[in-house]
Amino acid sequence: MPSTEIDLADRIDTDIDHLVNQGEFVNREQAVEELLTLGLSAYGPAEETTEEPGEDVFNQHLDEQQDPAAMGEDPGDERPF
């Protein structure tokens, strides 16, 4: 497992110690690893799409259109165009 050395602000170091002492984590190593993982996942890359850019836009407009011949009779007095 790779190791990394970082310098933490005193406030963050104290917060990690409090979380460990409160039983939120088994030890300091687990706390740092899980907190870094949570932080990285919050800033991680967005979900990748498999569609080509613009491909869905064309299909979306086609899906939204209605065939006038497939429409039922309009119960109102107005005639459909």
C-alpha atoms as a PDB file:
ATOM      1  CA  MET A   1       0.000   0.000   0.000  1.00  0.00           C
ATOM      2  CA  PRO A   2       1.432   3.392  -0.921  1.00  0.00           C
ATOM      3  CA  SER A   3       2.136   5.787   1.898  1.00  0.00           C
ATOM      4  CA  THR A   4       1.787   9.555   1.888  1.00  0.00           C
ATOM      5  CA  GLU A   5       3.003  12.175   4.297  1.00  0.00           C
ATOM      6  CA  ILE A   6       0.864  15.289   4.814  1.00  0.00           C
ATOM      7  CA  ASP A   7       0.892  18.286   7.107  1.00  0.00           C
ATOM      8  CA  LEU A   8      -2.464  18.993   8.750  1.00  0.00           C
ATOM      9  CA  ALA A   9      -3.704  22.113  10.421  1.00  0.00           C
ATOM     10  CA  ASP A  10      -3.911  21.746  14.213  1.00  0.00           C
ATOM     11  CA  ARG A  11      -7.715  22.011  14.073  1.00  0.00           C
ATOM     12  CA  ILE A  12      -8.027  19.109  11.616  1.00  0.00           C
ATOM     13  CA  ASP A  13      -5.569  16.996  13.593  1.00  0.00           C
ATOM     14  CA  THR A  14      -7.574  17.619  16.762  1.00  0.00           C
ATOM     15  CA  ASP A  15     -10.858  16.824  14.996  1.00  0.00           C
ATOM     16  CA  ILE A  16      -9.480  13.472  13.815  1.00  0.00           C
ATOM     17  CA  ASP A  17      -8.316  12.657  17.355  1.00  0.00           C
ATOM     18  CA  HIS A  18     -11.788  13.489  18.712  1.00  0.00           C
ATOM     19  CA  LEU A  19     -13.457  11.208  16.164  1.00  0.00           C
ATOM     20  CA  VAL A  20     -11.155   8.328  17.111  1.00  0.00           C
ATOM     21  CA  ASN A  21     -11.652   8.943  20.846  1.00  0.00           C
ATOM     22  CA  GLN A  22     -15.434   9.032  20.389  1.00  0.00           C
ATOM     23  CA  GLY A  23     -15.294   5.596  18.763  1.00  0.00           C
ATOM     24  CA  GLU A  24     -16.241   6.738  15.263  1.00  0.00           C
ATOM     25  CA  PHE A  25     -13.112   4.974  13.969  1.00  0.00           C
ATOM     26  CA  VAL A  26     -11.031   2.103  15.297  1.00  0.00           C
ATOM     27  CA  ASN A  27      -7.779   4.036  15.017  1.00  0.00           C
ATOM     28  CA  ARG A  28      -6.238   7.133  13.498  1.00  0.00           C
ATOM     29  CA  GLU A  29      -5.099   5.337  10.332  1.00  0.00           C
ATOM     30  CA  GLN A  30      -8.642   4.146   9.585  1.00  0.00           C
ATOM     31  CA  ALA A  31     -10.016   7.634  10.288  1.00  0.00           C
ATOM     32  CA  VAL A  32      -7.619   9.335   7.888  1.00  0.00           C
ATOM     33  CA  GLU A  33      -8.172   6.725   5.179  1.00  0.00           C
ATOM     34  CA  GLU A  34     -11.984   6.867   5.367  1.00  0.00           C
ATOM     35  CA  LEU A  35     -12.115  10.655   5.606  1.00  0.00           C
ATOM     36  CA  LEU A  36      -9.839  11.024   2.582  1.00  0.00           C
ATOM     37  CA  THR A  37     -11.942   8.501   0.658  1.00  0.00           C
ATOM     38  CA  LEU A  38     -15.128  10.428   1.459  1.00  0.00           C
ATOM     39  CA  GLY A  39     -13.509  13.688   0.427  1.00  0.00           C
ATOM     40  CA  LEU A  40     -12.207  12.269  -2.842  1.00  0.00           C
ATOM     41  CA  SER A  41     -15.559  10.734  -3.727  1.00  0.00           C
ATOM     42  CA  ALA A  42     -17.219  14.127  -3.211  1.00  0.00           C
ATOM     43  CA  TYR A  43     -14.874  15.658  -5.781  1.00  0.00           C
ATOM     44  CA  GLY A  44     -14.562  12.603  -8.019  1.00  0.00           C
ATOM     45  CA  PRO A  45     -15.326  12.601 -11.712  1.00  0.00           C
ATOM     46  CA  ALA A  46     -18.961  12.700 -12.772  1.00  0.00           C
ATOM     47  CA  GLU A  47     -20.668   9.591 -14.076  1.00  0.00           C
ATOM     48  CA  GLU A  48     -19.413   8.835 -17.560  1.00  0.00           C
ATOM     49  CA  THR A  49     -21.964   8.424 -20.292  1.00  0.00           C
ATOM     50  CA  THR A  50     -21.603   5.953 -23.124  1.00  0.00           C
ATOM     51  CA  GLU A  51     -23.558   8.078 -25.616  1.00  0.00           C
ATOM     52  CA  GLU A  52     -21.924  10.366 -28.114  1.00  0.00           C
ATOM     53  CA  PRO A  53     -22.377  14.089 -27.443  1.00  0.00           C
ATOM     54  CA  GLY A  54     -25.512  15.407 -29.105  1.00  0.00           C
ATOM     55  CA  GLU A  55     -26.851  11.941 -29.919  1.00  0.00           C
ATOM     56  CA  ASP A  56     -29.521  12.027 -27.217  1.00  0.00           C
ATOM     57  CA  VAL A  57     -30.692  15.535 -28.147  1.00  0.00           C
ATOM     58  CA  PHE A  58     -31.817  14.395 -31.606  1.00  0.00           C
ATOM     59  CA  ASN A  59     -33.566  11.298 -30.283  1.00  0.00           C
ATOM     60  CA  GLN A  60     -35.218  13.284 -27.496  1.00  0.00           C
ATOM     61  CA  HIS A  61     -36.891  15.624 -29.970  1.00  0.00           C
ATOM     62  CA  LEU A  62     -38.086  12.697 -32.057  1.00  0.00           C
ATOM     63  CA  ASP A  63     -39.539  11.016 -28.986  1.00  0.00           C
ATOM     64  CA  GLU A  64     -41.412  14.196 -28.015  1.00  0.00           C
ATOM     65  CA  GLN A  65     -43.078  14.586 -31.413  1.00  0.00           C
ATOM     66  CA  GLN A  66     -46.513  13.107 -32.040  1.00  0.00           C
ATOM     67  CA  ASP A  67     -47.859  11.697 -35.270  1.00  0.00           C
ATOM     68  CA  PRO A  68     -51.080  13.587 -36.101  1.00  0.00           C
ATOM     69  CA  ALA A  69     -52.572  10.439 -37.672  1.00  0.00           C
ATOM     70  CA  ALA A  70     -52.037   8.556 -34.406  1.00  0.00           C
ATOM     71  CA  MET A  71     -53.824  11.189 -32.324  1.00  0.00           C
ATOM     72  CA  GLY A  72     -57.386  10.492 -31.267  1.00  0.00           C
ATOM     73  CA  GLU A  73     -60.350  12.719 -31.982  1.00  0.00           C
ATOM     74  CA  ASP A  74     -60.319  15.994 -30.049  1.00  0.00           C
ATOM     75  CA  PRO A  75     -63.484  16.114 -27.922  1.00  0.00           C
ATOM     76  CA  GLY A  76     -63.522  19.942 -28.088  1.00  0.00           C
ATOM     77  CA  ASP A  77     -65.193  22.128 -30.735  1.00  0.00           C
ATOM     78  CA  GLU A  78     -61.863  23.178 -32.239  1.00  0.00           C
ATOM     79  CA  ARG A  79     -60.432  21.331 -35.179  1.00  0.00           C
ATOM     80  CA  PRO A  80     -56.831  20.176 -34.890  1.00  0.00           C
ATOM     81  CA  PHE A  81     -54.374  21.776 -37.284  1.00  0.00           C
END
